[in-house]
Protein backbone atom coordinates (compact mmCIF):
# COMPACT_ATOMS: atom_id res chain seq x y z
CA MET A 1 18.62 6.47 -15.84
CA ALA A 2 21.74 7.01 -17.95
CA GLN A 3 21.22 6.45 -21.63
CA THR A 4 23.30 4.41 -24.02
CA ALA A 5 26.05 5.91 -26.13
CA ARG A 6 24.10 5.12 -29.33
CA GLU A 7 21.33 7.60 -28.54
CA THR A 8 22.11 10.90 -30.18
CA ALA A 9 21.00 14.48 -29.78
CA ARG A 10 20.33 17.02 -32.52
CA ASP A 11 23.99 18.06 -32.55
CA GLY A 12 25.01 14.51 -33.49
CA LEU A 13 26.60 13.73 -30.11
CA PRO A 14 25.48 10.79 -27.97
CA LYS A 15 23.22 11.74 -25.05
CA GLY A 16 23.67 10.73 -21.42
CA PHE A 17 26.70 8.81 -20.21
CA ARG A 18 29.68 8.47 -22.56
CA SER A 19 32.52 6.28 -21.31
CA ALA A 20 35.94 7.91 -21.61
CA GLU A 21 37.19 5.35 -24.16
CA LEU A 22 34.87 6.97 -26.70
CA GLY A 23 36.48 10.36 -26.45
CA TRP A 24 40.06 10.15 -25.15
CA PRO A 25 42.33 8.57 -27.84
CA GLU A 26 45.30 8.35 -25.46
CA LEU A 27 43.46 7.34 -22.33
CA HIS A 28 46.34 5.08 -21.30
CA ARG A 29 48.43 8.15 -20.49
CA ILE A 30 46.02 9.13 -17.69
CA PRO A 31 46.78 7.36 -14.36
CA HIS A 32 44.23 5.25 -12.53
CA PRO A 33 44.11 3.61 -9.07
CA PRO A 34 46.00 0.37 -8.48
CA TYR A 35 44.27 -2.98 -8.01
CA ARG A 36 41.87 -2.59 -10.93
CA LEU A 37 39.59 -5.65 -11.10
CA PRO A 38 38.14 -7.22 -14.26
CA LEU A 39 34.51 -6.19 -14.87
CA LEU A 40 34.24 -4.35 -11.53
CA GLY A 41 37.01 -1.81 -12.16
CA ASP A 42 38.43 0.45 -9.42
CA VAL A 43 36.20 -0.65 -6.56
CA VAL A 44 38.81 -1.79 -4.04
CA GLY A 45 38.41 0.46 -1.01
CA ALA A 46 35.63 2.49 -2.65
CA SER A 47 32.50 3.57 -0.80
CA ARG A 48 29.06 3.71 -2.36
CA ARG A 49 28.01 6.37 0.16
CA THR A 50 30.90 8.81 -0.36
CA PRO A 51 32.02 8.50 -4.01
CA MET A 52 33.04 12.17 -4.24
CA GLN A 53 35.22 11.99 -1.13
CA ASP A 54 36.72 8.79 -2.51
CA SER A 55 37.66 10.74 -5.62
CA LEU A 56 39.31 13.44 -3.49
CA ARG A 57 41.48 10.78 -1.87
CA TYR A 58 42.45 9.32 -5.24
CA ALA A 59 43.21 12.82 -6.53
CA ARG A 60 45.83 13.37 -3.85
CA ARG A 61 47.57 10.14 -4.86
CA LEU A 62 47.21 10.24 -8.63
CA GLY A 63 47.70 13.90 -9.55
CA PRO A 64 45.87 16.68 -11.42
CA ILE A 65 44.18 14.36 -13.94
CA PHE A 66 43.21 10.75 -13.36
CA ARG A 67 40.57 8.20 -14.24
CA ARG A 68 38.39 5.70 -12.45
CA ARG A 69 36.52 2.72 -13.83
CA ALA A 70 33.39 1.19 -12.37
CA PHE A 71 31.20 -1.52 -13.91
CA GLY A 72 32.58 -0.98 -17.39
CA LYS A 73 32.35 2.82 -17.33
CA GLU A 74 35.46 4.99 -17.44
CA PHE A 75 35.47 8.48 -15.88
CA VAL A 76 38.12 11.19 -16.26
CA PHE A 77 38.61 13.60 -13.35
CA VAL A 78 40.50 16.89 -13.46
CA TRP A 79 41.51 19.16 -10.61
CA GLY A 80 44.83 20.78 -11.50
CA ALA A 81 44.34 24.55 -11.80
CA SER A 82 45.88 24.89 -15.27
CA LEU A 83 43.81 22.02 -16.70
CA ALA A 84 40.62 23.35 -15.05
CA ALA A 85 41.31 26.78 -16.53
CA ASP A 86 41.65 25.16 -19.96
CA LEU A 87 38.28 23.42 -19.51
CA ALA A 88 36.73 26.80 -18.61
CA ASP A 89 37.45 28.09 -22.12
CA GLU A 90 33.92 28.59 -23.50
CA ALA A 91 35.17 28.63 -27.08
CA ARG A 92 36.38 25.03 -26.80
CA PHE A 93 34.30 23.50 -24.01
CA ALA A 94 30.67 23.53 -22.83
CA LYS A 95 28.68 22.11 -19.95
CA HIS A 96 28.29 18.34 -20.00
CA VAL A 97 25.16 16.81 -18.48
CA GLY A 98 26.32 13.48 -17.12
CA LEU A 99 26.80 11.37 -14.01
CA GLY A 100 24.16 12.14 -11.38
CA VAL A 101 22.89 15.24 -13.17
CA ALA A 102 21.50 13.21 -16.08
CA ASN A 103 19.87 10.91 -13.54
CA LEU A 104 17.80 13.88 -12.33
CA ARG A 105 16.16 14.40 -15.72
CA PRO A 106 13.10 12.25 -14.85
CA VAL A 107 12.15 14.95 -12.33
CA ALA A 108 13.77 18.12 -13.74
CA GLY A 109 13.73 17.36 -17.47
CA ASP A 110 15.03 20.28 -19.51
CA GLY A 111 15.13 22.65 -16.53
CA LEU A 112 18.02 25.10 -16.35
CA PHE A 113 20.32 22.74 -14.46
CA THR A 114 19.61 19.48 -16.29
CA ALA A 115 18.97 20.64 -19.88
CA TYR A 116 21.26 19.37 -22.62
CA ASN A 117 23.04 22.11 -24.53
CA HIS A 118 21.00 21.44 -27.68
CA GLU A 119 17.63 21.82 -25.93
CA PRO A 120 16.07 25.23 -26.73
CA ASN A 121 14.26 25.63 -23.41
CA TRP A 122 17.53 26.32 -21.62
CA GLN A 123 18.21 29.57 -23.47
CA LEU A 124 14.53 30.53 -23.44
CA ALA A 125 14.22 30.06 -19.68
CA HIS A 126 17.54 31.76 -19.00
CA ASP A 127 16.59 34.86 -21.00
CA VAL A 128 13.13 35.06 -19.43
CA LEU A 129 14.33 34.54 -15.84
CA ALA A 130 17.63 36.44 -15.78
CA PRO A 131 15.90 39.77 -14.94
CA GLY A 132 14.55 38.05 -11.83
CA PHE A 133 18.07 38.24 -10.41
CA SER A 134 18.72 41.90 -11.22
CA ARG A 135 19.76 44.32 -8.50
CA GLU A 136 16.23 45.73 -8.32
CA ALA A 137 14.73 42.26 -7.92
CA MET A 138 17.32 41.29 -5.31
CA ALA A 139 16.50 44.37 -3.22
CA GLY A 140 12.88 43.24 -3.17
CA TYR A 141 13.81 39.70 -2.13
CA HIS A 142 15.92 41.12 0.72
CA VAL A 143 12.81 42.12 2.69
CA MET A 144 11.39 38.60 2.53
CA MET A 145 14.80 37.13 3.45
CA LEU A 146 14.68 39.19 6.64
CA ASP A 147 11.23 37.83 7.45
CA VAL A 148 12.28 34.19 7.02
CA ALA A 149 15.44 34.80 9.06
CA ALA A 150 13.22 36.09 11.89
CA ARG A 151 11.42 32.74 11.93
CA LEU A 152 14.77 30.98 12.24
CA THR A 153 15.96 33.15 15.14
CA GLU A 154 12.67 32.71 16.99
CA HIS A 155 13.18 28.97 16.64
CA TRP A 156 16.78 29.22 17.85
CA ASP A 157 15.79 31.52 20.74
CA ARG A 158 13.49 28.81 22.05
CA ALA A 159 16.26 26.23 21.78
CA GLU A 160 18.76 28.51 23.54
CA ALA A 161 16.32 29.32 26.33
CA SER A 162 15.74 25.62 27.03
CA GLY A 163 19.44 24.74 26.81
CA ARG A 164 19.02 22.59 23.69
CA THR A 165 21.48 22.38 20.82
CA VAL A 166 20.28 23.28 17.34
CA ASP A 167 20.26 21.01 14.29
CA VAL A 168 22.26 23.19 11.92
CA PRO A 169 21.75 21.36 8.57
CA GLY A 170 18.07 20.76 9.30
CA ASP A 171 17.39 24.36 10.27
CA MET A 172 19.42 25.80 7.40
CA THR A 173 17.40 23.59 5.02
CA LYS A 174 14.16 24.96 6.47
CA LEU A 175 15.47 28.51 6.16
CA THR A 176 16.62 28.27 2.56
CA LEU A 177 13.55 26.34 1.39
CA GLU A 178 11.26 29.00 2.87
CA THR A 179 13.39 31.77 1.38
CA ILE A 180 13.31 30.53 -2.22
CA ALA A 181 9.64 29.49 -1.91
CA ARG A 182 8.62 32.91 -0.59
CA THR A 183 10.77 35.06 -2.86
CA GLY A 184 10.39 33.03 -6.03
CA PHE A 185 6.90 31.58 -5.81
CA GLY A 186 4.92 33.34 -3.08
CA HIS A 187 4.57 30.07 -1.19
CA ASP A 188 4.97 29.26 2.51
CA PHE A 189 5.86 25.65 3.38
CA GLY A 190 5.48 26.35 7.10
CA SER A 191 8.82 24.66 7.78
CA PHE A 192 9.47 26.20 11.20
CA GLU A 193 6.01 25.27 12.44
CA ARG A 194 6.67 21.57 11.76
CA PRO A 195 8.46 19.11 14.05
CA ARG A 196 10.03 17.47 10.98
CA LEU A 197 11.24 18.60 7.58
CA HIS A 198 8.51 19.33 5.06
CA PRO A 199 7.61 16.31 2.88
CA PHE A 200 8.87 18.28 -0.13
CA VAL A 201 12.38 18.23 1.36
CA THR A 202 12.07 14.53 2.17
CA ALA A 203 11.05 13.78 -1.42
CA MET A 204 13.80 16.02 -2.77
CA VAL A 205 16.49 14.30 -0.68
CA GLY A 206 15.13 10.97 -1.91
CA THR A 207 15.46 11.92 -5.57
CA LEU A 208 18.99 13.27 -5.08
CA GLY A 209 20.07 10.16 -3.24
CA TYR A 210 18.55 7.89 -5.86
CA ALA A 211 20.29 9.79 -8.66
CA GLN A 212 23.62 9.21 -6.93
CA ARG A 213 22.93 5.52 -6.28
CA LEU A 214 22.32 4.94 -10.00
CA ASN A 215 26.01 5.68 -10.55
CA THR A 216 27.12 3.02 -8.06
CA VAL A 217 25.50 -0.06 -9.61
CA PRO A 218 25.88 -1.67 -13.06
CA ALA A 219 23.22 -0.18 -15.35
CA PRO A 220 21.86 -3.58 -16.53
CA LEU A 221 21.36 -4.67 -12.91
CA ALA A 222 19.81 -1.43 -11.63
CA PRO A 223 16.18 -2.52 -12.23
CA TRP A 224 16.75 -5.51 -9.92
CA LEU A 225 19.21 -4.11 -7.37
CA LEU A 226 17.29 -0.86 -6.94
CA ARG A 227 13.75 -2.15 -7.38
CA ALA A 228 12.45 -0.88 -4.03
CA ALA A 229 14.45 2.33 -4.31
CA SER A 230 13.04 2.90 -7.79
CA ARG A 231 9.47 2.64 -6.47
CA ARG A 232 10.25 5.13 -3.71
CA ASN A 233 11.86 7.44 -6.25
CA ALA A 234 8.78 7.31 -8.44
CA ALA A 235 6.64 8.22 -5.43
CA ASP A 236 9.03 11.07 -4.55
CA ILE A 237 8.87 12.47 -8.08
CA ALA A 238 5.08 12.21 -8.10
CA TYR A 239 4.91 14.15 -4.83
CA LEU A 240 7.26 16.87 -6.11
CA ASN A 241 5.16 17.19 -9.26
CA ARG A 242 1.88 17.40 -7.32
CA THR A 243 3.26 20.00 -4.95
CA VAL A 244 4.45 22.21 -7.79
CA ASP A 245 1.26 21.69 -9.82
CA ASP A 246 -0.79 22.82 -6.79
CA LEU A 247 1.46 25.86 -6.38
CA VAL A 248 1.09 26.85 -10.05
CA ARG A 249 -2.66 26.21 -9.99
CA ALA A 250 -3.06 28.48 -6.98
CA ARG A 251 -1.09 31.23 -8.69
CA ARG A 252 -3.17 31.04 -11.86
CA ALA A 253 -6.34 31.20 -9.75
CA ALA A 254 -5.02 34.22 -7.83
CA ASP A 255 -4.35 36.02 -11.13
CA GLY A 256 -1.20 37.80 -9.97
CA GLY A 257 -2.03 39.94 -6.94
CA ASP A 258 0.63 40.81 -4.41
CA THR A 259 3.20 38.38 -5.83
CA ALA A 260 3.39 40.03 -9.24
CA GLY A 261 6.87 40.04 -10.68
CA ASP A 262 8.39 37.06 -8.85
CA LEU A 263 10.02 34.12 -10.65
CA LEU A 264 6.76 32.21 -11.05
CA ASP A 265 5.04 35.20 -12.61
CA ARG A 266 7.93 35.52 -15.04
CA MET A 267 7.61 31.84 -15.94
CA LEU A 268 3.85 32.10 -16.51
CA GLU A 269 3.48 35.53 -18.06
CA THR A 270 6.74 36.70 -19.65
CA ALA A 271 7.50 36.16 -23.30
CA HIS A 272 11.02 36.11 -24.68
CA PRO A 273 11.88 39.71 -25.58
CA GLU A 274 13.01 38.81 -29.10
CA THR A 275 11.12 35.68 -30.16
CA GLY A 276 7.89 36.11 -28.19
CA GLU A 277 8.09 32.47 -27.04
CA ARG A 278 6.75 31.43 -23.65
CA LEU A 279 7.61 28.52 -21.39
CA SER A 280 5.27 25.55 -21.78
CA PRO A 281 3.27 24.38 -18.71
CA GLU A 282 5.45 21.26 -18.50
CA ASN A 283 8.64 23.32 -18.59
CA VAL A 284 7.27 25.72 -15.95
CA ARG A 285 6.86 22.74 -13.63
CA ARG A 286 10.42 21.61 -14.35
CA GLN A 287 11.84 25.09 -13.75
CA VAL A 288 9.95 25.49 -10.46
CA ILE A 289 11.27 22.13 -9.22
CA THR A 290 14.77 23.09 -10.34
CA PHE A 291 14.67 26.38 -8.45
CA LEU A 292 13.10 24.92 -5.32
CA VAL A 293 15.67 22.11 -5.17
CA ALA A 294 18.81 23.90 -6.37
CA GLY A 295 17.76 27.20 -4.80
CA HIS A 296 17.87 25.85 -1.28
CA GLU A 297 19.91 22.63 -1.21
CA THR A 298 23.34 24.11 -1.96
CA THR A 299 22.82 27.31 0.07
CA SER A 300 21.79 25.34 3.15
CA GLY A 301 25.00 23.33 2.86
CA ALA A 302 27.12 26.46 2.45
CA LEU A 303 25.58 28.04 5.56
CA SER A 304 26.02 24.83 7.55
CA PHE A 305 29.72 24.51 6.71
CA ALA A 306 30.27 28.20 7.47
CA LEU A 307 28.61 27.89 10.88
CA HIS A 308 30.73 24.82 11.62
CA TYR A 309 33.93 26.75 10.93
CA LEU A 310 32.76 29.80 12.87
CA ALA A 311 32.06 27.62 15.91
CA ARG A 312 35.46 25.93 15.57
CA HIS A 313 37.36 29.19 15.11
CA PRO A 314 36.19 31.64 17.80
CA GLU A 315 38.82 34.19 16.75
CA VAL A 316 37.33 34.25 13.24
CA ALA A 317 33.81 34.50 14.68
CA ALA A 318 34.87 37.39 16.92
CA ARG A 319 36.35 39.28 13.99
CA ALA A 320 33.26 38.68 11.84
CA ARG A 321 30.96 39.68 14.70
CA ALA A 322 32.89 42.90 15.27
CA GLU A 323 32.41 43.76 11.61
CA VAL A 324 28.67 43.15 11.86
CA ASP A 325 28.42 45.37 14.96
CA ARG A 326 30.45 48.11 13.29
CA VAL A 327 28.68 48.06 9.90
CA TRP A 328 25.12 47.49 11.08
CA GLY A 329 25.32 49.28 14.40
CA GLY A 330 22.05 49.23 16.30
CA THR A 331 19.77 49.07 13.27
CA GLU A 332 17.00 46.53 13.69
CA ALA A 333 16.79 45.61 10.00
CA PRO A 334 19.98 45.85 7.96
CA GLY A 335 19.29 47.33 4.55
CA TYR A 336 20.07 45.65 1.26
CA GLU A 337 23.24 47.71 0.68
CA GLN A 338 24.48 47.05 4.21
CA VAL A 339 24.82 43.33 3.51
CA ALA A 340 27.40 43.87 0.77
CA ARG A 341 29.49 45.85 3.26
CA LEU A 342 30.09 42.72 5.38
CA ARG A 343 33.31 41.96 3.54
CA TYR A 344 34.91 39.75 6.19
CA VAL A 345 31.69 37.76 6.70
CA ARG A 346 31.64 37.19 2.95
CA ARG A 347 35.25 35.96 3.16
CA VAL A 348 34.19 33.43 5.80
CA LEU A 349 31.50 32.19 3.43
CA ASP A 350 33.90 32.03 0.48
CA GLU A 351 36.51 30.12 2.48
CA SER A 352 33.86 27.62 3.59
CA LEU A 353 32.83 27.18 -0.06
CA ARG A 354 36.47 26.73 -0.98
CA LEU A 355 36.98 23.81 1.40
CA TRP A 356 33.54 22.28 0.92
CA PRO A 357 31.83 23.48 -2.26
CA THR A 358 28.35 22.08 -1.80
CA ALA A 359 28.11 21.40 -5.54
CA PRO A 360 31.31 19.35 -5.53
CA GLY A 361 32.02 19.15 -9.25
CA PHE A 362 30.99 20.21 -12.73
CA ALA A 363 31.46 18.42 -16.04
CA ARG A 364 32.78 19.92 -19.28
CA GLU A 365 32.71 18.50 -22.80
CA ALA A 366 34.75 19.34 -25.88
CA ARG A 367 32.89 21.31 -28.56
CA GLU A 368 35.34 20.05 -31.21
CA ASP A 369 38.43 17.84 -31.31
CA THR A 370 41.03 19.49 -29.07
CA VAL A 371 44.00 18.86 -26.78
CA LEU A 372 43.57 19.50 -23.06
CA GLY A 373 46.51 21.29 -21.51
CA GLY A 374 48.52 20.75 -24.68
CA ARG A 375 48.95 17.08 -23.74
CA TYR A 376 45.70 15.08 -23.62
CA PRO A 377 43.81 14.69 -26.94
CA MET A 378 40.00 14.84 -26.71
CA ARG A 379 37.48 14.08 -29.43
CA ARG A 380 34.36 16.17 -29.87
CA GLY A 381 31.93 15.25 -27.11
CA ALA A 382 34.60 13.86 -24.76
CA TRP A 383 34.09 15.09 -21.23
CA ALA A 384 35.79 15.36 -17.85
CA LEU A 385 34.54 16.07 -14.34
CA VAL A 386 36.25 18.97 -12.58
CA LEU A 387 36.64 18.11 -8.89
CA THR A 388 35.92 21.51 -7.38
CA GLY A 389 36.95 20.45 -3.88
CA MET A 390 40.42 19.50 -5.11
CA LEU A 391 40.75 22.49 -7.45
CA HIS A 392 40.18 24.59 -4.33
CA ARG A 393 42.97 22.69 -2.58
CA ASP A 394 45.60 22.81 -5.33
CA PRO A 395 48.78 23.71 -3.43
CA GLU A 396 50.17 25.52 -6.46
CA VAL A 397 47.32 28.02 -6.08
CA TRP A 398 46.42 27.96 -2.39
CA GLY A 399 49.81 27.12 -0.86
CA PRO A 400 51.07 24.21 1.25
CA ASP A 401 48.45 24.96 3.94
CA ALA A 402 45.52 24.64 1.53
CA GLU A 403 43.63 22.40 3.98
CA ARG A 404 43.63 25.13 6.65
CA PHE A 405 40.59 27.37 7.14
CA ASP A 406 41.70 30.97 6.55
CA PRO A 407 39.19 33.60 5.36
CA ASP A 408 42.01 36.03 4.56
CA ARG A 409 42.68 34.01 1.41
CA PHE A 410 39.82 36.09 0.01
CA GLU A 411 41.19 39.48 1.00
CA ALA A 412 40.94 41.66 -2.13
CA LYS A 413 44.68 41.79 -2.78
CA ALA A 414 45.01 37.99 -2.51
CA VAL A 415 42.08 37.46 -4.90
CA ARG A 416 43.62 39.77 -7.49
CA ALA A 417 46.93 37.90 -7.26
CA ARG A 418 45.38 34.51 -8.07
CA ALA A 419 44.93 33.21 -11.58
CA PRO A 420 41.38 33.13 -13.00
CA HIS A 421 39.25 29.98 -12.79
CA THR A 422 40.75 28.77 -9.49
CA PHE A 423 37.60 29.34 -7.38
CA LYS A 424 34.51 27.75 -8.93
CA PRO A 425 31.80 26.93 -6.35
CA PHE A 426 29.07 27.96 -8.81
CA GLY A 427 30.36 26.25 -11.94
CA THR A 428 31.67 28.11 -14.95
CA GLY A 429 30.70 29.75 -18.21
CA ALA A 430 27.29 30.37 -19.74
CA ARG A 431 25.75 27.55 -17.68
CA ALA A 432 27.09 28.77 -14.33
CA CYS A 433 24.54 29.23 -11.54
CA ILE A 434 21.96 31.87 -12.43
CA GLY A 435 21.14 32.35 -8.73
CA ARG A 436 24.69 32.97 -7.52
CA GLN A 437 24.08 36.53 -6.28
CA PHE A 438 20.82 35.46 -4.65
CA ALA A 439 22.58 32.69 -2.71
CA LEU A 440 25.53 34.87 -1.67
CA HIS A 441 23.31 37.70 -0.48
CA GLU A 442 21.04 35.35 1.46
CA ALA A 443 23.92 33.50 3.10
CA THR A 444 25.85 36.65 4.02
CA LEU A 445 22.72 38.24 5.50
CA VAL A 446 21.90 35.16 7.58
CA LEU A 447 25.46 34.76 8.88
CA GLY A 448 25.48 38.42 9.89
CA LEU A 449 22.17 38.10 11.73
CA LEU A 450 23.24 34.93 13.57
CA LEU A 451 26.65 36.30 14.54
CA ARG A 452 25.06 39.47 15.90
CA ARG A 453 22.60 37.48 17.98
CA TYR A 454 24.49 34.41 19.24
CA GLU A 455 27.80 33.05 20.39
CA LEU A 456 28.29 29.65 18.74
CA ARG A 457 29.85 26.67 20.52
CA PRO A 458 30.55 23.24 19.01
CA GLU A 459 29.54 20.00 20.64
CA PRO A 460 32.52 18.44 22.44
CA GLY A 461 34.02 15.61 20.44
CA TYR A 462 32.27 16.43 17.17
CA ARG A 463 34.38 15.77 14.10
CA LEU A 464 33.25 16.95 10.70
CA ARG A 465 31.69 14.21 8.60
CA VAL A 466 30.28 14.98 5.18
CA THR A 467 27.23 13.30 3.75
CA GLU A 468 26.73 13.10 -0.02
CA ARG A 469 23.47 13.27 -1.95
CA LEU A 470 24.95 14.77 -5.12
CA THR A 471 25.42 17.88 -2.97
CA LEU A 472 27.51 17.94 0.22
CA MET A 473 26.29 18.63 3.76
CA PRO A 474 27.85 18.34 7.24
CA GLN A 475 26.45 15.26 8.93
CA GLY A 476 25.07 15.42 12.46
CA LEU A 477 26.20 19.02 13.05
CA ARG A 478 24.66 20.52 16.19
CA LEU A 479 25.72 23.71 17.94
CA HIS A 480 25.26 25.22 21.38
CA LEU A 481 24.01 28.81 21.47
CA ASP A 482 24.63 31.62 23.94
CA ARG A 483 22.44 34.68 23.46
CA ARG A 484 24.40 37.93 23.31
CA THR A 485 23.35 40.82 25.53
CA ALA A 486 21.31 43.67 24.09
CA ALA A 487 24.33 45.97 24.47
CA ALA A 488 26.53 43.62 22.44
CA GLY A 489 24.10 43.00 19.59
CA SER A 490 20.63 43.67 18.35
CA GLY A 491 17.96 42.05 20.45
CA ARG A 492 16.15 40.30 17.63
CA ALA A 493 16.11 39.54 13.94
CA PRO A 494 13.56 41.82 12.29
CA ARG A 495 10.17 40.96 10.92
CA THR A 496 9.26 42.59 7.66
CA ASP A 497 7.39 45.41 9.34
CA ASP A 498 10.80 46.53 10.67
CA ALA A 499 12.17 46.92 7.16
CA GLY A 500 11.47 50.63 7.02
CA LYS A 501 13.75 51.11 10.05
CA ALA A 502 16.84 50.04 8.13
CA GLY A 503 19.71 52.18 9.30
CA GLY A 504 20.97 55.24 7.46
CA THR A 505 19.39 55.11 4.02
CA GLY A 506 16.38 52.87 4.60
CA GLU A 507 17.33 50.70 1.62
CA ALA A 508 15.07 47.78 2.42
CA ALA A 509 11.97 49.93 2.55
CA ASP A 510 12.77 51.86 -0.61
CA ALA A 511 14.22 49.20 -2.89
CA GLY A 512 11.68 46.49 -3.45
CA GLY A 513 8.24 46.98 -1.99
CA THR A 514 6.89 45.19 1.04
CA ALA A 515 6.73 41.56 2.08
CA ASP A 516 2.98 41.39 2.41
CA THR A 517 2.00 37.73 2.79
CA ARG A 518 -1.59 37.99 1.60
CA GLY A 519 -0.76 36.11 -1.61
CA THR A 520 1.28 33.42 0.15
CA ALA A 521 -0.16 29.91 0.09
CA ARG A 522 0.83 27.35 2.72
CA SER A 523 1.28 23.63 2.12
CA GLU A 524 -0.91 21.14 3.89
CA PRO A 525 1.02 18.80 6.23
CA ARG A 526 0.59 15.71 4.10
CA CYS A 527 3.35 13.13 3.63
CA PRO A 528 2.44 10.31 1.25
CA VAL A 529 6.10 9.46 0.56
CA HIS A 530 9.37 9.03 2.38
CA ARG A 531 11.75 11.85 1.52
CA ALA A 532 24.19 33.67 -16.34
CA GLY A 533 22.66 29.67 -16.39
CA ASP A 534 21.60 26.80 -14.06
């Protein structure tokens, strides 16, 4: 739960939530919604289920910087491109852990995403784990990504053959969970063999939802208003901890083996190259949870939004599919280097992340007293939340048609013409997402495989609705599939034993070893509960 402003960190700044009155001397100059109520604040017309989308609506009315008040807490939001670029200045601003992120600390502690800037384990973990996202490491992960994608396409083939639609968010969640579990930790959750999502996902969704709900009730009343939810959250956290403890215990018992060199091995065995420090057992657990949650939750949302737009824009899908057929040809298993050559497919992904960044905001705090945009004074420790979804819709950057889906916004010439810091789906600065290249490679590969294999059709009458659980996800998205003919596209997504057949240079076979599953542990189907940087 958010902490009081009197609690201080080693740098002398208060930890947890800091209301804007403490840090913005001229707060009155920042507009706020009309109809502000005593005690309750700006709650007229607000939704507890979609607070981020509420903020997007206010942003359109109030301008590039505005504030909202709820239950005595004042928040400052920024989305104008020039102000967001100012906040991206690492010399003056740093990551701020606040809002729902701080509410995740009971489960993630000082993991990469939730660590306060003063906590030493952030830099230690970052330096130890950064080599796990090198080009060499990524080429090795590619083989396992192909194997997990094959499990998805087998699942979708069965649905297509029986005339059933596919649950896009659910299946993308299974895909990305298996991918990060296999590549990072040598673990198999068996997601595609289950009729329902794995209990780990259910518990993870529960903790994310609870963290968001904490921001929608007065802090003094939370123990009473969220009593039942708090008990469920405690059970969810306990299940996440047990799952990860079992995973780590199995790895220690295996003593390396065929998984040597993955993220878990780095956490357990690698010392900092300069200090010789190692991650503590408690911090290893927190980092594993962080990677399992963050490593699949946002990527599954990005893939789901991209598939929605591809189904809604058949001309875009046709152009992307033609690129896949041209670049990959008839090769069964596209090699690692061949994925980067899908430039238009990557533009589709980037445009989907522009309109619906699955991590919808990031907070920045002032390192010292400063003036934002030359107009708004901020004291040291004052913070603002950058609304990424509105930054990506700023008409001064993206034009009057900023709401329109158009992948050509990311054509190389257009990207070079835009100012820096206008596209931020992975955050900014030293604490930006450490797994960015992993996520982009995985998502581009999967989109290419699905486009080559299927024609995608939307359900008649479906309108995009977005559910919020700190991250964003399309709600109720189902698609119809039509299998392409063997002449039009490859007949199947490859298993790992196809990796050596990668066309032309055989990159997948040469770059990172094999995807032998001998060291892969599978979770038991038990469900005791309901549901360079970060």
